Amino acid sequence: MEVRPALVVREEKPPTWAVLSPLLYLLACAGCVRSVLLDRSMDIGIAGLLVAVGLVPAFVLPAIFCTRRTRIAADGEGLLIDGRIVKLIDVRIAHADRGTARLTVETRNGDTRVFVVPSYKDAQHLMAALPPVSAPAGALAA
């Protein structure tokens, strides 16, 4: 079997820091409200301004950074994603914009992950190199 190098793809999954940005924003809002409640002589001005300035970026970041770069490759046991083997149940390829492909992978633990592969042909080669049966251990035993 021909050994193919790992493909650099984009996974449709936002990075953790982008997902946590709204939570950090809400914690900052709570801190501003707390400081105003503790010191009644303080006006809401600066604290309110900082809260208002951070509103849009905190909730837009997860939408802007909705993908992350990763490496995938076929292995005899499943799919290597960033060097870790993931056992598969189902893999589907769909055409995407400008000759790219969307590779939808359903893993044994129930997760569905979507990768954007730069070339449809590369996605086909990757899918052909995957093992034909990736059933859970003992699932085929009678």
N, C-alpha and C. Protein backbone atom coordinates (compact mmCIF):
# COMPACT_ATOMS: atom_id res chain seq x y z
N MET A 1 0.84 -1.18 0.00
CA MET A 1 0.00 0.00 0.00
C MET A 1 0.89 1.24 0.00
N GLU A 2 0.53 2.20 -0.80
CA GLU A 2 1.30 3.43 -0.92
C GLU A 2 1.08 4.31 0.31
N VAL A 3 2.16 4.79 0.88
CA VAL A 3 2.07 5.67 2.05
C VAL A 3 1.89 7.10 1.57
N ARG A 4 0.79 7.70 1.95
CA ARG A 4 0.49 9.07 1.54
C ARG A 4 0.77 10.01 2.71
N PRO A 5 1.28 11.19 2.43
CA PRO A 5 1.53 12.14 3.52
C PRO A 5 0.22 12.65 4.09
N ALA A 6 0.30 13.19 5.27
CA ALA A 6 -0.89 13.74 5.93
C ALA A 6 -1.38 14.97 5.17
N LEU A 7 -2.68 15.10 5.09
CA LEU A 7 -3.29 16.26 4.44
C LEU A 7 -3.50 17.37 5.46
N VAL A 8 -3.19 18.58 5.07
CA VAL A 8 -3.48 19.75 5.90
C VAL A 8 -4.85 20.24 5.49
N VAL A 9 -5.79 20.18 6.43
CA VAL A 9 -7.18 20.53 6.15
C VAL A 9 -7.68 21.54 7.19
N ARG A 10 -8.87 22.04 6.97
CA ARG A 10 -9.53 22.93 7.92
C ARG A 10 -10.69 22.17 8.54
N GLU A 11 -10.69 22.07 9.87
CA GLU A 11 -11.80 21.42 10.57
C GLU A 11 -12.80 22.48 10.98
N GLU A 12 -14.07 22.21 10.76
CA GLU A 12 -15.11 23.16 11.12
C GLU A 12 -15.41 23.03 12.60
N LYS A 13 -14.50 23.57 13.38
CA LYS A 13 -14.62 23.55 14.84
C LYS A 13 -13.87 24.77 15.36
N PRO A 14 -14.56 25.65 16.07
CA PRO A 14 -13.86 26.84 16.56
C PRO A 14 -12.85 26.48 17.65
N PRO A 15 -11.76 27.24 17.75
CA PRO A 15 -10.80 27.00 18.82
C PRO A 15 -11.42 27.28 20.19
N THR A 16 -10.86 26.69 21.21
CA THR A 16 -11.41 26.81 22.56
C THR A 16 -11.45 28.26 23.03
N TRP A 17 -10.40 29.04 22.74
CA TRP A 17 -10.38 30.42 23.20
C TRP A 17 -11.51 31.23 22.58
N ALA A 18 -11.91 30.91 21.34
CA ALA A 18 -13.00 31.64 20.70
C ALA A 18 -14.34 31.27 21.32
N VAL A 19 -14.48 30.02 21.72
CA VAL A 19 -15.72 29.59 22.36
C VAL A 19 -15.85 30.20 23.76
N LEU A 20 -14.72 30.36 24.43
CA LEU A 20 -14.74 30.90 25.80
C LEU A 20 -14.84 32.43 25.86
N SER A 21 -14.67 33.11 24.74
CA SER A 21 -14.69 34.58 24.78
C SER A 21 -16.01 35.16 25.29
N PRO A 22 -17.18 34.63 24.93
CA PRO A 22 -18.41 35.17 25.53
C PRO A 22 -18.46 34.95 27.05
N LEU A 23 -17.94 33.84 27.52
CA LEU A 23 -17.91 33.58 28.96
C LEU A 23 -17.00 34.59 29.67
N LEU A 24 -15.84 34.85 29.08
CA LEU A 24 -14.94 35.84 29.67
C LEU A 24 -15.57 37.23 29.67
N TYR A 25 -16.32 37.54 28.63
CA TYR A 25 -17.01 38.82 28.55
C TYR A 25 -18.05 38.93 29.67
N LEU A 26 -18.81 37.86 29.87
CA LEU A 26 -19.82 37.89 30.92
C LEU A 26 -19.19 37.99 32.31
N LEU A 27 -18.04 37.36 32.51
CA LEU A 27 -17.32 37.51 33.78
C LEU A 27 -16.85 38.95 33.98
N ALA A 28 -16.39 39.59 32.90
CA ALA A 28 -15.98 40.99 33.00
C ALA A 28 -17.18 41.88 33.31
N CYS A 29 -18.34 41.58 32.73
CA CYS A 29 -19.56 42.34 33.04
C CYS A 29 -19.93 42.19 34.51
N ALA A 30 -19.82 40.97 35.02
CA ALA A 30 -20.12 40.73 36.43
C ALA A 30 -19.16 41.51 37.32
N GLY A 31 -17.89 41.58 36.93
CA GLY A 31 -16.91 42.35 37.69
C GLY A 31 -17.24 43.83 37.69
N CYS A 32 -17.68 44.36 36.56
CA CYS A 32 -18.06 45.77 36.48
C CYS A 32 -19.27 46.06 37.35
N VAL A 33 -20.26 45.19 37.30
CA VAL A 33 -21.46 45.38 38.11
C VAL A 33 -21.10 45.29 39.59
N ARG A 34 -20.25 44.36 39.94
CA ARG A 34 -19.82 44.20 41.34
C ARG A 34 -19.10 45.45 41.83
N SER A 35 -18.20 46.00 41.00
CA SER A 35 -17.45 47.19 41.44
C SER A 35 -18.37 48.39 41.63
N VAL A 36 -19.38 48.51 40.79
CA VAL A 36 -20.32 49.62 40.95
C VAL A 36 -21.18 49.42 42.19
N LEU A 37 -21.58 48.18 42.47
CA LEU A 37 -22.40 47.92 43.65
C LEU A 37 -21.62 48.10 44.96
N LEU A 38 -20.33 47.77 44.95
CA LEU A 38 -19.51 47.91 46.16
C LEU A 38 -19.18 49.37 46.46
N ASP A 39 -18.96 50.16 45.43
CA ASP A 39 -18.60 51.56 45.62
C ASP A 39 -19.70 52.42 45.00
N ARG A 40 -20.68 52.82 45.82
CA ARG A 40 -21.84 53.56 45.33
C ARG A 40 -21.47 54.95 44.81
N SER A 41 -20.31 55.48 45.23
CA SER A 41 -19.92 56.81 44.76
C SER A 41 -19.40 56.77 43.32
N MET A 42 -19.06 55.57 42.86
CA MET A 42 -18.52 55.42 41.51
C MET A 42 -19.66 55.46 40.49
N ASP A 43 -19.43 56.15 39.41
CA ASP A 43 -20.43 56.23 38.35
C ASP A 43 -20.25 55.02 37.43
N ILE A 44 -21.26 54.69 36.68
CA ILE A 44 -21.20 53.53 35.77
C ILE A 44 -20.39 53.86 34.52
N GLY A 45 -20.02 55.07 34.30
CA GLY A 45 -19.37 55.56 33.09
C GLY A 45 -18.29 54.68 32.49
N ILE A 46 -17.13 54.57 33.14
CA ILE A 46 -16.00 53.81 32.58
C ILE A 46 -16.31 52.31 32.53
N ALA A 47 -16.85 51.79 33.61
CA ALA A 47 -17.18 50.36 33.62
C ALA A 47 -18.23 50.04 32.56
N GLY A 48 -19.23 50.88 32.43
CA GLY A 48 -20.26 50.68 31.41
C GLY A 48 -19.71 50.81 30.00
N LEU A 49 -18.77 51.74 29.80
CA LEU A 49 -18.14 51.91 28.50
C LEU A 49 -17.34 50.66 28.12
N LEU A 50 -16.58 50.13 29.07
CA LEU A 50 -15.80 48.93 28.79
C LEU A 50 -16.70 47.74 28.48
N VAL A 51 -17.80 47.62 29.19
CA VAL A 51 -18.74 46.54 28.92
C VAL A 51 -19.36 46.71 27.53
N ALA A 52 -19.73 47.92 27.17
CA ALA A 52 -20.34 48.16 25.86
C ALA A 52 -19.36 47.92 24.72
N VAL A 53 -18.09 48.30 24.89
CA VAL A 53 -17.09 48.12 23.84
C VAL A 53 -16.81 46.64 23.59
N GLY A 54 -16.87 45.82 24.63
CA GLY A 54 -16.55 44.40 24.48
C GLY A 54 -17.70 43.53 24.03
N LEU A 55 -18.92 44.08 23.94
CA LEU A 55 -20.09 43.28 23.62
C LEU A 55 -19.99 42.62 22.25
N VAL A 56 -19.78 43.39 21.21
CA VAL A 56 -19.77 42.84 19.85
C VAL A 56 -18.59 41.89 19.63
N PRO A 57 -17.36 42.27 19.95
CA PRO A 57 -16.26 41.33 19.68
C PRO A 57 -16.38 40.01 20.43
N ALA A 58 -16.91 40.03 21.63
CA ALA A 58 -16.99 38.80 22.41
C ALA A 58 -17.90 37.77 21.77
N PHE A 59 -18.97 38.22 21.15
CA PHE A 59 -19.91 37.27 20.57
C PHE A 59 -19.67 37.06 19.07
N VAL A 60 -18.81 37.87 18.45
CA VAL A 60 -18.49 37.69 17.04
C VAL A 60 -17.28 36.79 16.85
N LEU A 61 -16.37 36.74 17.81
CA LEU A 61 -15.16 35.91 17.68
C LEU A 61 -15.45 34.46 17.34
N PRO A 62 -16.40 33.78 18.00
CA PRO A 62 -16.65 32.39 17.61
C PRO A 62 -17.14 32.24 16.18
N ALA A 63 -17.83 33.25 15.66
CA ALA A 63 -18.29 33.18 14.27
C ALA A 63 -17.16 33.42 13.28
N ILE A 64 -16.22 34.29 13.63
CA ILE A 64 -15.10 34.59 12.73
C ILE A 64 -14.12 33.42 12.70
N PHE A 65 -13.78 32.92 13.86
CA PHE A 65 -12.82 31.81 13.95
C PHE A 65 -13.58 30.49 14.08
N CYS A 66 -14.29 30.10 13.01
CA CYS A 66 -15.12 28.91 13.08
C CYS A 66 -14.38 27.66 12.59
N THR A 67 -13.17 27.80 12.10
CA THR A 67 -12.41 26.64 11.65
C THR A 67 -11.02 26.66 12.27
N ARG A 68 -10.41 25.49 12.27
CA ARG A 68 -9.03 25.40 12.75
C ARG A 68 -8.27 24.48 11.81
N ARG A 69 -6.99 24.70 11.70
CA ARG A 69 -6.13 23.91 10.82
C ARG A 69 -5.74 22.62 11.53
N THR A 70 -5.78 21.52 10.81
CA THR A 70 -5.41 20.23 11.37
C THR A 70 -4.83 19.34 10.28
N ARG A 71 -4.22 18.24 10.68
CA ARG A 71 -3.66 17.27 9.74
C ARG A 71 -4.40 15.95 9.89
N ILE A 72 -4.78 15.37 8.75
CA ILE A 72 -5.43 14.06 8.78
C ILE A 72 -4.71 13.13 7.81
N ALA A 73 -4.73 11.85 8.15
CA ALA A 73 -4.13 10.81 7.30
C ALA A 73 -4.86 9.51 7.57
N ALA A 74 -4.81 8.61 6.60
CA ALA A 74 -5.43 7.29 6.75
C ALA A 74 -4.46 6.37 7.47
N ASP A 75 -5.03 5.50 8.29
CA ASP A 75 -4.25 4.50 9.01
C ASP A 75 -4.99 3.18 8.88
N GLY A 76 -4.31 2.09 9.15
CA GLY A 76 -4.93 0.78 9.07
C GLY A 76 -6.05 0.57 10.08
N GLU A 77 -6.07 1.35 11.13
CA GLU A 77 -7.07 1.20 12.19
C GLU A 77 -8.17 2.26 12.12
N GLY A 78 -7.95 3.33 11.41
CA GLY A 78 -8.94 4.41 11.35
C GLY A 78 -8.34 5.64 10.70
N LEU A 79 -8.67 6.79 11.24
CA LEU A 79 -8.20 8.07 10.71
C LEU A 79 -7.29 8.72 11.73
N LEU A 80 -6.12 9.16 11.28
CA LEU A 80 -5.20 9.90 12.15
C LEU A 80 -5.57 11.38 12.07
N ILE A 81 -5.98 11.94 13.20
CA ILE A 81 -6.30 13.36 13.27
C ILE A 81 -5.32 13.98 14.25
N ASP A 82 -4.44 14.81 13.75
CA ASP A 82 -3.38 15.43 14.55
C ASP A 82 -2.58 14.39 15.32
N GLY A 83 -2.31 13.25 14.68
CA GLY A 83 -1.48 12.21 15.28
C GLY A 83 -2.21 11.23 16.18
N ARG A 84 -3.51 11.43 16.39
CA ARG A 84 -4.29 10.50 17.22
C ARG A 84 -5.21 9.67 16.34
N ILE A 85 -5.27 8.37 16.61
CA ILE A 85 -6.13 7.49 15.83
C ILE A 85 -7.57 7.62 16.32
N VAL A 86 -8.47 7.81 15.36
CA VAL A 86 -9.89 7.91 15.65
C VAL A 86 -10.58 6.78 14.89
N LYS A 87 -11.33 5.95 15.60
CA LYS A 87 -12.09 4.86 14.99
C LYS A 87 -13.35 5.44 14.36
N LEU A 88 -13.69 4.94 13.17
CA LEU A 88 -14.77 5.51 12.39
C LEU A 88 -15.95 4.56 12.25
N ILE A 89 -17.12 5.14 12.09
CA ILE A 89 -18.32 4.39 11.74
C ILE A 89 -18.69 4.70 10.29
N ASP A 90 -18.63 5.99 9.93
CA ASP A 90 -19.05 6.40 8.59
C ASP A 90 -18.21 7.58 8.12
N VAL A 91 -17.92 7.60 6.83
CA VAL A 91 -17.20 8.71 6.21
C VAL A 91 -17.93 9.07 4.91
N ARG A 92 -18.20 10.36 4.71
CA ARG A 92 -18.88 10.82 3.50
C ARG A 92 -18.10 11.99 2.88
N ILE A 93 -18.12 12.03 1.56
CA ILE A 93 -17.47 13.14 0.84
C ILE A 93 -18.55 13.89 0.07
N ALA A 94 -18.45 15.21 0.08
CA ALA A 94 -19.35 16.06 -0.71
C ALA A 94 -18.52 17.14 -1.38
N HIS A 95 -18.95 17.54 -2.57
CA HIS A 95 -18.27 18.63 -3.27
C HIS A 95 -18.51 19.93 -2.53
N ALA A 96 -17.50 20.79 -2.51
CA ALA A 96 -17.61 22.11 -1.90
C ALA A 96 -17.15 23.14 -2.94
N ASP A 97 -17.02 24.38 -2.53
CA ASP A 97 -16.64 25.45 -3.44
C ASP A 97 -15.23 25.29 -3.98
N ARG A 98 -15.04 25.69 -5.23
CA ARG A 98 -13.73 25.80 -5.87
C ARG A 98 -12.90 24.51 -5.83
N GLY A 99 -13.52 23.38 -6.07
CA GLY A 99 -12.80 22.12 -6.15
C GLY A 99 -12.44 21.49 -4.83
N THR A 100 -12.89 22.08 -3.73
CA THR A 100 -12.60 21.50 -2.42
C THR A 100 -13.65 20.43 -2.10
N ALA A 101 -13.41 19.73 -1.02
CA ALA A 101 -14.34 18.68 -0.60
C ALA A 101 -14.64 18.82 0.88
N ARG A 102 -15.86 18.45 1.26
CA ARG A 102 -16.25 18.40 2.67
C ARG A 102 -16.27 16.94 3.06
N LEU A 103 -15.40 16.59 3.99
CA LEU A 103 -15.28 15.22 4.48
C LEU A 103 -15.98 15.15 5.83
N THR A 104 -17.11 14.45 5.89
CA THR A 104 -17.88 14.31 7.12
C THR A 104 -17.56 12.96 7.73
N VAL A 105 -17.08 12.96 8.95
CA VAL A 105 -16.62 11.76 9.63
C VAL A 105 -17.47 11.54 10.88
N GLU A 106 -18.03 10.34 11.00
CA GLU A 106 -18.76 9.97 12.22
C GLU A 106 -17.90 8.98 12.99
N THR A 107 -17.56 9.33 14.22
CA THR A 107 -16.67 8.49 15.02
C THR A 107 -17.47 7.53 15.88
N ARG A 108 -16.76 6.57 16.45
CA ARG A 108 -17.42 5.57 17.30
C ARG A 108 -18.05 6.16 18.55
N ASN A 109 -17.47 7.23 19.05
CA ASN A 109 -18.04 7.81 20.29
C ASN A 109 -19.22 8.74 20.00
N GLY A 110 -19.68 8.78 18.76
CA GLY A 110 -20.88 9.54 18.42
C GLY A 110 -20.65 10.94 17.91
N ASP A 111 -19.40 11.39 17.87
CA ASP A 111 -19.09 12.73 17.36
C ASP A 111 -19.16 12.75 15.84
N THR A 112 -19.58 13.86 15.30
CA THR A 112 -19.53 14.09 13.86
C THR A 112 -18.59 15.26 13.62
N ARG A 113 -17.55 15.01 12.85
CA ARG A 113 -16.56 16.05 12.58
C ARG A 113 -16.54 16.31 11.08
N VAL A 114 -16.40 17.59 10.71
CA VAL A 114 -16.41 17.98 9.31
C VAL A 114 -15.08 18.65 8.98
N PHE A 115 -14.45 18.17 7.90
CA PHE A 115 -13.18 18.70 7.45
C PHE A 115 -13.35 19.24 6.03
N VAL A 116 -12.69 20.36 5.75
CA VAL A 116 -12.67 20.90 4.39
C VAL A 116 -11.30 20.57 3.81
N VAL A 117 -11.31 19.66 2.83
CA VAL A 117 -10.08 19.20 2.19
C VAL A 117 -9.84 20.06 0.96
N PRO A 118 -8.59 20.53 0.74
CA PRO A 118 -8.33 21.44 -0.38
C PRO A 118 -8.61 20.86 -1.76
N SER A 119 -8.61 19.55 -1.90
CA SER A 119 -8.83 18.93 -3.20
C SER A 119 -9.78 17.75 -3.06
N TYR A 120 -10.75 17.68 -3.95
CA TYR A 120 -11.70 16.57 -3.92
C TYR A 120 -10.99 15.25 -4.21
N LYS A 121 -10.01 15.30 -5.09
CA LYS A 121 -9.25 14.10 -5.44
C LYS A 121 -8.47 13.57 -4.23
N ASP A 122 -7.87 14.48 -3.45
CA ASP A 122 -7.16 14.07 -2.23
C ASP A 122 -8.12 13.43 -1.23
N ALA A 123 -9.32 13.96 -1.13
CA ALA A 123 -10.32 13.40 -0.22
C ALA A 123 -10.71 11.99 -0.67
N GLN A 124 -10.83 11.78 -1.97
CA GLN A 124 -11.14 10.45 -2.48
C GLN A 124 -10.02 9.46 -2.17
N HIS A 125 -8.77 9.89 -2.36
CA HIS A 125 -7.63 9.02 -2.06
C HIS A 125 -7.58 8.68 -0.57
N LEU A 126 -7.86 9.66 0.26
CA LEU A 126 -7.87 9.43 1.70
C LEU A 126 -8.96 8.43 2.07
N MET A 127 -10.14 8.61 1.52
CA MET A 127 -11.25 7.71 1.83
C MET A 127 -10.96 6.29 1.33
N ALA A 128 -10.31 6.17 0.19
CA ALA A 128 -9.97 4.85 -0.34
C ALA A 128 -8.93 4.15 0.53
N ALA A 129 -8.09 4.90 1.22
CA ALA A 129 -7.04 4.32 2.06
C ALA A 129 -7.54 3.92 3.44
N LEU A 130 -8.75 4.35 3.80
CA LEU A 130 -9.29 4.00 5.11
C LEU A 130 -9.69 2.53 5.15
N PRO A 131 -9.70 1.92 6.33
CA PRO A 131 -10.11 0.51 6.44
C PRO A 131 -11.57 0.35 6.04
N PRO A 132 -11.92 -0.78 5.42
CA PRO A 132 -13.31 -0.96 4.93
C PRO A 132 -14.32 -1.12 6.06
N VAL A 133 -13.94 -1.78 7.14
CA VAL A 133 -14.87 -1.97 8.26
C VAL A 133 -14.23 -1.40 9.50
N SER A 134 -14.94 -0.50 10.12
CA SER A 134 -14.44 0.10 11.35
C SER A 134 -15.51 -0.04 12.43
N ALA A 135 -16.03 -1.28 12.54
CA ALA A 135 -17.10 -1.53 13.51
C ALA A 135 -16.52 -1.64 14.91
N PRO A 136 -17.28 -1.29 15.94
CA PRO A 136 -16.79 -1.44 17.31
C PRO A 136 -16.45 -2.89 17.64
N ALA A 137 -15.51 -3.08 18.52
CA ALA A 137 -15.10 -4.43 18.90
C ALA A 137 -16.28 -5.18 19.49
N GLY A 138 -16.52 -6.40 18.99
CA GLY A 138 -17.60 -7.22 19.49
C GLY A 138 -18.94 -6.96 18.82
N ALA A 139 -19.03 -5.96 17.97
CA ALA A 139 -20.30 -5.66 17.33
C ALA A 139 -20.70 -6.72 16.31
N LEU A 140 -19.71 -7.36 15.71
CA LEU A 140 -19.98 -8.37 14.69
C LEU A 140 -20.10 -9.77 15.29
N ALA A 141 -19.76 -9.93 16.56
CA ALA A 141 -19.83 -11.24 17.19
C ALA A 141 -21.28 -11.61 17.48
N ALA A 142 -21.63 -12.85 17.23
CA ALA A 142 -23.02 -13.28 17.42
C ALA A 142 -23.26 -13.78 18.83
